[in-house]
Amino acid sequence: MRYIGFCSLLTIVLFSVSFAQVTDSDRRFKRATDYVKEKRYTEAVSIFEELARNSEHDAQYNLAFLISNGKGVTKNYSEALFWAFLSQLGKIEKAEELAEDLTEMVPEKVLKEVREKVLENLIARFENKDLGVLTELGDFYLLVLEEQDFENAYLWYNVASALGVQNSAEIRDKVEKELEPDTIIKMQDASRKRFKEFKKKEARNDRKEIKKMERNYES
């Protein structure tokens, strides 16, 4: 996992991949961390924001940290918290601590709005057939909300499990133990609808890709 953390001194943790595996995203991330070391924060923020909007969780953490400290952009706790929550859901460990700190800095009304915005982001990724977002949706209901919502967490882990997402079945079964039998049946029905919705979108996208390939072949 790649991210940069800040204490009294800047510490940069780089990904360890062979040259052949380095992507354009990796190169831009490295450039942004170099900008941070050079104190060219505005340029670093610009790159991290672009990567963050592409759901790159390490960049989301870095962006959240820079925004929360007013480096390269004006300080904004609610915006920083938004990115910190998304990074936390992406399993960036440092993001959890940052999100906890920021949660204490914003009023309850703003905190509610940020959580709603995070959920909107996750649902948008689901609608774009992003398989990786399914467990993040489950985690949202367990980690981001003030009180855990086992019902909706179960829904998303159940969908993730059906689609073969690693470790989702184990978490689903643990969450199931927190629910009453009638609630389990209700959420199983709800998760089946979401599952069909995902598969329908997947099939639609596959047809579009086939048509695109056919047009390219004909040309």
C-alpha atoms as a PDB file:
ATOM      1  CA  MET A   1       0.000   0.000   0.000  1.00  0.00           C
ATOM      2  CA  ARG A   2       1.361   3.415  -0.868  1.00  0.00           C
ATOM      3  CA  TYR A   3       0.691   6.544   1.151  1.00  0.00           C
ATOM      4  CA  ILE A   4       2.498   9.389   2.792  1.00  0.00           C
ATOM      5  CA  GLY A   5       2.221  10.126   6.456  1.00  0.00           C
ATOM      6  CA  PHE A   6       3.235  13.220   8.370  1.00  0.00           C
ATOM      7  CA  CYS A   7       4.564  13.460  11.920  1.00  0.00           C
ATOM      8  CA  SER A   8       7.179  15.959  13.005  1.00  0.00           C
ATOM      9  CA  LEU A   9       9.008  14.979   9.825  1.00  0.00           C
ATOM     10  CA  LEU A  10       7.639  13.868   6.493  1.00  0.00           C
ATOM     11  CA  THR A  11       7.724  10.115   5.972  1.00  0.00           C
ATOM     12  CA  ILE A  12       7.127   8.696   2.534  1.00  0.00           C
ATOM     13  CA  VAL A  13       6.211   5.055   2.044  1.00  0.00           C
ATOM     14  CA  LEU A  14       6.541   3.956  -1.557  1.00  0.00           C
ATOM     15  CA  PHE A  15       5.061   0.937  -3.284  1.00  0.00           C
ATOM     16  CA  SER A  16       7.463  -1.904  -4.052  1.00  0.00           C
ATOM     17  CA  VAL A  17       6.772  -3.049  -7.598  1.00  0.00           C
ATOM     18  CA  SER A  18       9.006  -3.864 -10.508  1.00  0.00           C
ATOM     19  CA  PHE A  19       9.526  -1.258 -13.195  1.00  0.00           C
ATOM     20  CA  ALA A  20       7.341  -3.199 -15.600  1.00  0.00           C
ATOM     21  CA  GLN A  21       4.432  -2.987 -13.180  1.00  0.00           C
ATOM     22  CA  VAL A  22       4.582   0.768 -12.608  1.00  0.00           C
ATOM     23  CA  THR A  23       1.486   2.457 -14.014  1.00  0.00           C
ATOM     24  CA  ASP A  24       0.835   6.037 -15.002  1.00  0.00           C
ATOM     25  CA  SER A  25      -1.122   6.385 -11.771  1.00  0.00           C
ATOM     26  CA  ASP A  26       1.927   5.236  -9.805  1.00  0.00           C
ATOM     27  CA  ARG A  27       4.143   7.751 -11.555  1.00  0.00           C
ATOM     28  CA  ARG A  28       1.745  10.588 -10.806  1.00  0.00           C
ATOM     29  CA  PHE A  29       1.483   9.501  -7.189  1.00  0.00           C
ATOM     30  CA  LYS A  30       5.276   9.479  -6.916  1.00  0.00           C
ATOM     31  CA  ARG A  31       5.427  12.933  -8.517  1.00  0.00           C
ATOM     32  CA  ALA A  32       2.917  14.255  -5.987  1.00  0.00           C
ATOM     33  CA  THR A  33       4.912  12.876  -3.058  1.00  0.00           C
ATOM     34  CA  ASP A  34       8.012  14.515  -4.504  1.00  0.00           C
ATOM     35  CA  TYR A  35       6.105  17.797  -4.655  1.00  0.00           C
ATOM     36  CA  VAL A  36       5.253  17.403  -0.975  1.00  0.00           C
ATOM     37  CA  LYS A  37       8.923  16.894  -0.101  1.00  0.00           C
ATOM     38  CA  GLU A  38       9.708  20.025  -2.088  1.00  0.00           C
ATOM     39  CA  LYS A  39       6.878  21.866  -0.299  1.00  0.00           C
ATOM     40  CA  ARG A  40       5.110  22.433  -3.607  1.00  0.00           C
ATOM     41  CA  TYR A  41       1.833  21.598  -1.917  1.00  0.00           C
ATOM     42  CA  THR A  42      -0.556  23.150  -4.431  1.00  0.00           C
ATOM     43  CA  GLU A  43       0.817  20.952  -7.203  1.00  0.00           C
ATOM     44  CA  ALA A  44       0.675  17.912  -4.924  1.00  0.00           C
ATOM     45  CA  VAL A  45      -2.957  18.603  -4.017  1.00  0.00           C
ATOM     46  CA  SER A  46      -3.888  18.867  -7.693  1.00  0.00           C
ATOM     47  CA  ILE A  47      -2.488  15.416  -8.470  1.00  0.00           C
ATOM     48  CA  PHE A  48      -3.794  13.754  -5.319  1.00  0.00           C
ATOM     49  CA  GLU A  49      -7.269  15.144  -5.950  1.00  0.00           C
ATOM     50  CA  GLU A  50      -7.335  13.719  -9.466  1.00  0.00           C
ATOM     51  CA  LEU A  51      -6.261  10.307  -8.172  1.00  0.00           C
ATOM     52  CA  ALA A  52      -8.661  10.528  -5.221  1.00  0.00           C
ATOM     53  CA  ARG A  53     -11.607  11.135  -7.530  1.00  0.00           C
ATOM     54  CA  ASN A  54     -10.591   7.938  -9.283  1.00  0.00           C
ATOM     55  CA  SER A  55     -11.117   6.076  -5.975  1.00  0.00           C
ATOM     56  CA  GLU A  56      -7.414   5.624  -5.217  1.00  0.00           C
ATOM     57  CA  HIS A  57      -7.554   5.324  -1.464  1.00  0.00           C
ATOM     58  CA  ASP A  58      -3.951   6.170  -0.660  1.00  0.00           C
ATOM     59  CA  ALA A  59      -4.292   9.415  -2.606  1.00  0.00           C
ATOM     60  CA  GLN A  60      -7.537  10.094  -0.734  1.00  0.00           C
ATOM     61  CA  TYR A  61      -5.662   9.866   2.553  1.00  0.00           C
ATOM     62  CA  ASN A  62      -2.899  12.195   1.378  1.00  0.00           C
ATOM     63  CA  LEU A  63      -5.447  14.674   0.055  1.00  0.00           C
ATOM     64  CA  ALA A  64      -7.403  14.554   3.312  1.00  0.00           C
ATOM     65  CA  PHE A  65      -4.245  15.224   5.304  1.00  0.00           C
ATOM     66  CA  LEU A  66      -3.151  18.156   3.153  1.00  0.00           C
ATOM     67  CA  ILE A  67      -6.626  19.723   3.228  1.00  0.00           C
ATOM     68  CA  SER A  68      -6.936  19.243   6.992  1.00  0.00           C
ATOM     69  CA  ASN A  69      -3.636  21.068   7.461  1.00  0.00           C
ATOM     70  CA  GLY A  70      -4.244  23.789   4.891  1.00  0.00           C
ATOM     71  CA  LYS A  71      -1.250  22.836   2.772  1.00  0.00           C
ATOM     72  CA  GLY A  72      -1.677  23.697  -0.916  1.00  0.00           C
ATOM     73  CA  VAL A  73      -5.326  24.560  -0.384  1.00  0.00           C
ATOM     74  CA  THR A  74      -7.364  26.329   2.262  1.00  0.00           C
ATOM     75  CA  LYS A  75      -8.053  24.288   5.381  1.00  0.00           C
ATOM     76  CA  ASN A  76     -11.470  22.624   5.267  1.00  0.00           C
ATOM     77  CA  TYR A  77     -12.334  20.001   7.880  1.00  0.00           C
ATOM     78  CA  SER A  78     -15.550  18.759   6.255  1.00  0.00           C
ATOM     79  CA  GLU A  79     -13.886  18.175   2.884  1.00  0.00           C
ATOM     80  CA  ALA A  80     -10.915  16.517   4.548  1.00  0.00           C
ATOM     81  CA  LEU A  81     -13.255  14.252   6.507  1.00  0.00           C
ATOM     82  CA  PHE A  82     -15.032  13.197   3.307  1.00  0.00           C
ATOM     83  CA  TRP A  83     -11.775  11.987   1.794  1.00  0.00           C
ATOM     84  CA  ALA A  84     -10.599  10.489   5.078  1.00  0.00           C
ATOM     85  CA  PHE A  85     -13.779   8.396   5.367  1.00  0.00           C
ATOM     86  CA  LEU A  86     -13.386   7.111   1.802  1.00  0.00           C
ATOM     87  CA  SER A  87      -9.740   6.296   2.441  1.00  0.00           C
ATOM     88  CA  GLN A  88     -10.657   4.507   5.671  1.00  0.00           C
ATOM     89  CA  LEU A  89     -13.152   2.377   3.754  1.00  0.00           C
ATOM     90  CA  GLY A  90     -10.309   1.576   1.375  1.00  0.00           C
ATOM     91  CA  LYS A  91      -8.345   0.032   4.275  1.00  0.00           C
ATOM     92  CA  ILE A  92      -5.752   2.800   4.661  1.00  0.00           C
ATOM     93  CA  GLU A  93      -4.916   2.430   8.355  1.00  0.00           C
ATOM     94  CA  LYS A  94      -3.791   6.018   8.952  1.00  0.00           C
ATOM     95  CA  ALA A  95      -7.105   7.269   7.591  1.00  0.00           C
ATOM     96  CA  GLU A  96      -9.037   5.877  10.551  1.00  0.00           C
ATOM     97  CA  GLU A  97      -7.094   8.004  13.019  1.00  0.00           C
ATOM     98  CA  LEU A  98      -7.392  11.075  10.808  1.00  0.00           C
ATOM     99  CA  ALA A  99     -11.140  10.545  10.410  1.00  0.00           C
ATOM    100  CA  GLU A 100     -11.551  10.223  14.181  1.00  0.00           C
ATOM    101  CA  ASP A 101      -9.704  13.494  14.742  1.00  0.00           C
ATOM    102  CA  LEU A 102     -11.694  15.329  12.079  1.00  0.00           C
ATOM    103  CA  THR A 103     -14.986  13.966  13.395  1.00  0.00           C
ATOM    104  CA  GLU A 104     -14.322  15.879  16.614  1.00  0.00           C
ATOM    105  CA  MET A 105     -13.756  19.111  14.696  1.00  0.00           C
ATOM    106  CA  VAL A 106     -17.053  19.412  12.819  1.00  0.00           C
ATOM    107  CA  PRO A 107     -20.574  20.009  14.173  1.00  0.00           C
ATOM    108  CA  GLU A 108     -23.084  17.167  14.118  1.00  0.00           C
ATOM    109  CA  LYS A 109     -25.026  18.656  11.198  1.00  0.00           C
ATOM    110  CA  VAL A 110     -21.898  18.814   9.042  1.00  0.00           C
ATOM    111  CA  LEU A 111     -20.874  15.310  10.100  1.00  0.00           C
ATOM    112  CA  LYS A 112     -24.247  13.994   8.950  1.00  0.00           C
ATOM    113  CA  GLU A 113     -23.886  15.774   5.611  1.00  0.00           C
ATOM    114  CA  VAL A 114     -20.405  14.347   5.071  1.00  0.00           C
ATOM    115  CA  ARG A 115     -21.614  10.830   5.802  1.00  0.00           C
ATOM    116  CA  GLU A 116     -24.448  11.263   3.305  1.00  0.00           C
ATOM    117  CA  LYS A 117     -21.983  12.507   0.707  1.00  0.00           C
ATOM    118  CA  VAL A 118     -19.755   9.483   1.295  1.00  0.00           C
ATOM    119  CA  LEU A 119     -22.711   7.142   0.800  1.00  0.00           C
ATOM    120  CA  GLU A 120     -23.670   8.953  -2.417  1.00  0.00           C
ATOM    121  CA  ASN A 121     -20.128   8.427  -3.686  1.00  0.00           C
ATOM    122  CA  LEU A 122     -20.256   4.718  -2.912  1.00  0.00           C
ATOM    123  CA  ILE A 123     -23.669   4.232  -4.529  1.00  0.00           C
ATOM    124  CA  ALA A 124     -22.454   6.028  -7.650  1.00  0.00           C
ATOM    125  CA  ARG A 125     -19.567   3.566  -7.860  1.00  0.00           C
ATOM    126  CA  PHE A 126     -22.015   0.674  -7.456  1.00  0.00           C
ATOM    127  CA  GLU A 127     -24.095   2.051 -10.298  1.00  0.00           C
ATOM    128  CA  ASN A 128     -20.944   2.145 -12.414  1.00  0.00           C
ATOM    129  CA  LYS A 129     -20.426  -1.578 -11.775  1.00  0.00           C
ATOM    130  CA  ASP A 130     -17.456  -1.184  -9.455  1.00  0.00           C
ATOM    131  CA  LEU A 131     -17.109  -4.596  -7.808  1.00  0.00           C
ATOM    132  CA  GLY A 132     -14.664  -3.290  -5.222  1.00  0.00           C
ATOM    133  CA  VAL A 133     -17.204  -0.907  -3.707  1.00  0.00           C
ATOM    134  CA  LEU A 134     -19.474  -3.666  -2.396  1.00  0.00           C
ATOM    135  CA  THR A 135     -17.495  -4.405   0.766  1.00  0.00           C
ATOM    136  CA  GLU A 136     -16.848  -0.689   1.204  1.00  0.00           C
ATOM    137  CA  LEU A 137     -20.602  -0.201   1.308  1.00  0.00           C
ATOM    138  CA  GLY A 138     -20.845  -2.909   3.944  1.00  0.00           C
ATOM    139  CA  ASP A 139     -18.034  -1.290   5.923  1.00  0.00           C
ATOM    140  CA  PHE A 140     -19.721   2.103   5.649  1.00  0.00           C
ATOM    141  CA  TYR A 141     -22.618   0.852   7.753  1.00  0.00           C
ATOM    142  CA  LEU A 142     -20.266  -0.647  10.327  1.00  0.00           C
ATOM    143  CA  LEU A 143     -17.429   1.888  10.503  1.00  0.00           C
ATOM    144  CA  VAL A 144     -18.582   5.317   9.370  1.00  0.00           C
ATOM    145  CA  LEU A 145     -22.014   5.714  10.902  1.00  0.00           C
ATOM    146  CA  GLU A 146     -22.334   6.804  14.517  1.00  0.00           C
ATOM    147  CA  GLU A 147     -24.329   3.648  15.281  1.00  0.00           C
ATOM    148  CA  GLN A 148     -23.710   0.433  13.379  1.00  0.00           C
ATOM    149  CA  ASP A 149     -26.416  -0.555  10.903  1.00  0.00           C
ATOM    150  CA  PHE A 150     -26.149  -4.337  10.725  1.00  0.00           C
ATOM    151  CA  GLU A 151     -29.119  -4.666   8.372  1.00  0.00           C
ATOM    152  CA  ASN A 152     -27.650  -2.673   5.497  1.00  0.00           C
ATOM    153  CA  ALA A 153     -24.161  -3.994   6.175  1.00  0.00           C
ATOM    154  CA  TYR A 154     -25.563  -7.519   5.766  1.00  0.00           C
ATOM    155  CA  LEU A 155     -27.238  -6.533   2.499  1.00  0.00           C
ATOM    156  CA  TRP A 156     -23.999  -5.391   0.872  1.00  0.00           C
ATOM    157  CA  TYR A 157     -21.817  -8.192   2.213  1.00  0.00           C
ATOM    158  CA  ASN A 158     -24.398 -10.656   0.913  1.00  0.00           C
ATOM    159  CA  VAL A 159     -24.174  -9.132  -2.568  1.00  0.00           C
ATOM    160  CA  ALA A 160     -20.378  -9.074  -2.391  1.00  0.00           C
ATOM    161  CA  SER A 161     -20.306 -12.727  -1.377  1.00  0.00           C
ATOM    162  CA  ALA A 162     -22.565 -13.743  -4.240  1.00  0.00           C
ATOM    163  CA  LEU A 163     -20.210 -11.997  -6.650  1.00  0.00           C
ATOM    164  CA  GLY A 164     -17.149 -13.711  -5.226  1.00  0.00           C
ATOM    165  CA  VAL A 165     -15.516 -10.815  -3.375  1.00  0.00           C
ATOM    166  CA  GLN A 166     -12.797 -12.208  -1.117  1.00  0.00           C
ATOM    167  CA  ASN A 167     -13.576 -12.501   2.617  1.00  0.00           C
ATOM    168  CA  SER A 168     -17.066 -11.032   2.209  1.00  0.00           C
ATOM    169  CA  ALA A 169     -18.864 -14.262   3.065  1.00  0.00           C
ATOM    170  CA  GLU A 170     -17.097 -14.516   6.415  1.00  0.00           C
ATOM    171  CA  ILE A 171     -18.031 -10.968   7.367  1.00  0.00           C
ATOM    172  CA  ARG A 172     -21.603 -11.475   6.142  1.00  0.00           C
ATOM    173  CA  ASP A 173     -22.017 -14.506   8.376  1.00  0.00           C
ATOM    174  CA  LYS A 174     -20.667 -12.620  11.399  1.00  0.00           C
ATOM    175  CA  VAL A 175     -23.069  -9.741  10.770  1.00  0.00           C
ATOM    176  CA  GLU A 176     -25.952 -12.190  10.346  1.00  0.00           C
ATOM    177  CA  LYS A 177     -25.534 -13.227  13.985  1.00  0.00           C
ATOM    178  CA  GLU A 178     -26.510  -9.693  14.995  1.00  0.00           C
ATOM    179  CA  LEU A 179     -29.885  -9.890  13.217  1.00  0.00           C
ATOM    180  CA  GLU A 180     -33.258 -11.388  14.054  1.00  0.00           C
ATOM    181  CA  PRO A 181     -34.571 -14.136  11.724  1.00  0.00           C
ATOM    182  CA  ASP A 182     -37.305 -11.978  10.181  1.00  0.00           C
ATOM    183  CA  THR A 183     -34.786  -9.209   9.523  1.00  0.00           C
ATOM    184  CA  ILE A 184     -32.417 -11.656   7.858  1.00  0.00           C
ATOM    185  CA  ILE A 185     -35.134 -12.762   5.438  1.00  0.00           C
ATOM    186  CA  LYS A 186     -36.047  -9.148   4.667  1.00  0.00           C
ATOM    187  CA  MET A 187     -32.454  -8.160   3.949  1.00  0.00           C
ATOM    188  CA  GLN A 188     -31.843 -11.295   1.879  1.00  0.00           C
ATOM    189  CA  ASP A 189     -34.714 -10.236  -0.371  1.00  0.00           C
ATOM    190  CA  ALA A 190     -33.292  -6.709  -0.562  1.00  0.00           C
ATOM    191  CA  SER A 191     -29.807  -7.979  -1.378  1.00  0.00           C
ATOM    192  CA  ARG A 192     -31.176 -10.183  -4.166  1.00  0.00           C
ATOM    193  CA  LYS A 193     -32.624  -7.055  -5.797  1.00  0.00           C
ATOM    194  CA  ARG A 194     -29.255  -5.302  -5.569  1.00  0.00           C
ATOM    195  CA  PHE A 195     -27.517  -8.414  -6.927  1.00  0.00           C
ATOM    196  CA  LYS A 196     -29.821  -8.519  -9.957  1.00  0.00           C
ATOM    197  CA  GLU A 197     -29.335  -4.798 -10.455  1.00  0.00           C
ATOM    198  CA  PHE A 198     -25.560  -5.229 -10.526  1.00  0.00           C
ATOM    199  CA  LYS A 199     -25.705  -8.191 -12.906  1.00  0.00           C
ATOM    200  CA  LYS A 200     -28.100  -6.329 -15.198  1.00  0.00           C
ATOM    201  CA  LYS A 201     -25.738  -3.387 -15.408  1.00  0.00           C
ATOM    202  CA  GLU A 202     -22.855  -5.791 -15.980  1.00  0.00           C
ATOM    203  CA  ALA A 203     -24.641  -7.458 -18.891  1.00  0.00           C
ATOM    204  CA  ARG A 204     -25.569  -4.079 -20.390  1.00  0.00           C
ATOM    205  CA  ASN A 205     -21.949  -2.935 -20.243  1.00  0.00           C
ATOM    206  CA  ASP A 206     -20.779  -6.202 -21.804  1.00  0.00           C
ATOM    207  CA  ARG A 207     -23.172  -5.671 -24.729  1.00  0.00           C
ATOM    208  CA  LYS A 208     -21.861  -2.152 -25.209  1.00  0.00           C
ATOM    209  CA  GLU A 209     -18.303  -3.446 -25.254  1.00  0.00           C
ATOM    210  CA  ILE A 210     -19.179  -6.109 -27.843  1.00  0.00           C
ATOM    211  CA  LYS A 211     -20.853  -3.533 -30.093  1.00  0.00           C
ATOM    212  CA  LYS A 212     -17.840  -1.258 -29.748  1.00  0.00           C
ATOM    213  CA  MET A 213     -15.517  -4.091 -30.766  1.00  0.00           C
ATOM    214  CA  GLU A 214     -17.759  -4.897 -33.739  1.00  0.00           C
ATOM    215  CA  ARG A 215     -17.699  -1.282 -34.899  1.00  0.00           C
ATOM    216  CA  ASN A 216     -13.930  -1.159 -34.592  1.00  0.00           C
ATOM    217  CA  TYR A 217     -13.627  -4.393 -36.568  1.00  0.00           C
ATOM    218  CA  GLU A 218     -15.911  -3.116 -39.341  1.00  0.00           C
ATOM    219  CA  SER A 219     -13.942   0.120 -39.616  1.00  0.00           C
END
